[in-house]
Amino acid sequence: MAAVRPISRITAGLVSKATLRVAVEQLMRDCGDDANLYYFPSYEIVKEFFVDAYKEDNRHPKDEIVIAIMRAFERHYCIP
């Protein structure tokens, strides 16, 4: 695994995710009164609520984790 810059893949990945999360946070602050704007924390759910969530490549969530997250998304955001 490699990063574009001469830093570790782990550091590059964490910076990338943190940058995206800060951007989402700023958008939610700036446009929080927009009733059509939502953020579903799928990445955070994988990282914080599951143990051993990743496939052998340590990059992709296991299928059962994806299914659980999609069920949660459907429960909260889709019309039955």
Protein backbone atom coordinates (compact mmCIF):
# COMPACT_ATOMS: atom_id res chain seq x y z
CA MET A 1 0.00 0.00 0.00
CA ALA A 2 1.31 3.43 -0.82
CA ALA A 3 0.53 7.07 -0.28
CA VAL A 4 0.92 9.86 -2.82
CA ARG A 5 3.17 11.85 -0.49
CA PRO A 6 6.29 10.42 1.16
CA ILE A 7 4.44 9.55 4.39
CA SER A 8 3.05 6.29 5.67
CA ARG A 9 -0.19 4.97 4.22
CA ILE A 10 -1.68 4.97 7.72
CA THR A 11 -0.92 8.64 8.27
CA ALA A 12 -2.13 9.59 4.79
CA GLY A 13 -5.37 7.68 5.29
CA LEU A 14 -6.07 9.26 8.66
CA VAL A 15 -5.37 12.76 7.34
CA SER A 16 -7.63 12.11 4.36
CA LYS A 17 -10.52 10.89 6.51
CA ALA A 18 -10.07 13.71 9.02
CA THR A 19 -10.06 16.30 6.24
CA LEU A 20 -13.29 14.91 4.80
CA ARG A 21 -14.90 14.77 8.25
CA VAL A 22 -13.97 18.41 8.95
CA ALA A 23 -15.46 19.42 5.59
CA VAL A 24 -18.71 17.61 6.44
CA GLU A 25 -18.79 19.22 9.87
CA GLN A 26 -18.33 22.68 8.38
CA LEU A 27 -21.07 22.03 5.81
CA MET A 28 -23.45 20.87 8.54
CA ARG A 29 -22.68 24.01 10.57
CA ASP A 30 -23.08 26.34 7.60
CA CYS A 31 -26.22 24.68 6.21
CA GLY A 32 -27.61 22.98 9.30
CA ASP A 33 -31.00 24.61 8.87
CA ASP A 34 -31.47 22.86 5.50
CA ALA A 35 -34.06 20.14 6.15
CA ASN A 36 -32.78 18.21 3.11
CA LEU A 37 -29.19 17.92 4.34
CA TYR A 38 -28.24 14.75 6.21
CA TYR A 39 -25.06 13.01 7.23
CA PHE A 40 -25.05 9.27 7.83
CA PRO A 41 -21.89 8.25 9.72
CA SER A 42 -21.18 4.92 8.04
CA TYR A 43 -17.40 5.28 8.32
CA GLU A 44 -17.66 6.13 12.00
CA ILE A 45 -19.96 3.15 12.59
CA VAL A 46 -17.43 0.78 11.04
CA LYS A 47 -14.56 2.27 13.06
CA GLU A 48 -16.31 2.63 16.43
CA PHE A 49 -18.96 -0.07 16.74
CA PHE A 50 -17.52 -3.20 15.21
CA VAL A 51 -14.58 -5.36 16.23
CA ASP A 52 -12.65 -6.98 13.40
CA ALA A 53 -14.74 -5.16 10.79
CA TYR A 54 -12.37 -5.44 7.84
CA LYS A 55 -11.63 -8.10 5.25
CA GLU A 56 -8.11 -9.55 5.03
CA ASP A 57 -6.97 -6.56 2.95
CA ASN A 58 -7.69 -4.27 5.96
CA ARG A 59 -9.25 -1.78 3.55
CA HIS A 60 -12.77 -3.03 2.89
CA PRO A 61 -15.46 -3.78 5.48
CA LYS A 62 -16.69 -7.35 5.64
CA ASP A 63 -19.91 -8.05 3.78
CA GLU A 64 -21.90 -8.57 6.99
CA ILE A 65 -20.76 -5.15 8.27
CA VAL A 66 -21.91 -3.49 5.03
CA ILE A 67 -25.26 -5.27 5.30
CA ALA A 68 -25.72 -4.12 8.92
CA ILE A 69 -24.89 -0.53 8.01
CA MET A 70 -27.20 -0.56 5.00
CA ARG A 71 -30.03 -1.92 7.17
CA ALA A 72 -29.47 0.91 9.66
CA PHE A 73 -29.46 3.44 6.82
CA GLU A 74 -32.66 1.97 5.40
CA ARG A 75 -34.34 1.99 8.84
CA HIS A 76 -33.59 5.70 9.32
CA TYR A 77 -33.79 7.15 5.82
CA CYS A 78 -36.01 5.00 3.58
CA ILE A 79 -39.77 4.74 3.41
CA PRO A 80 -40.95 1.21 4.26
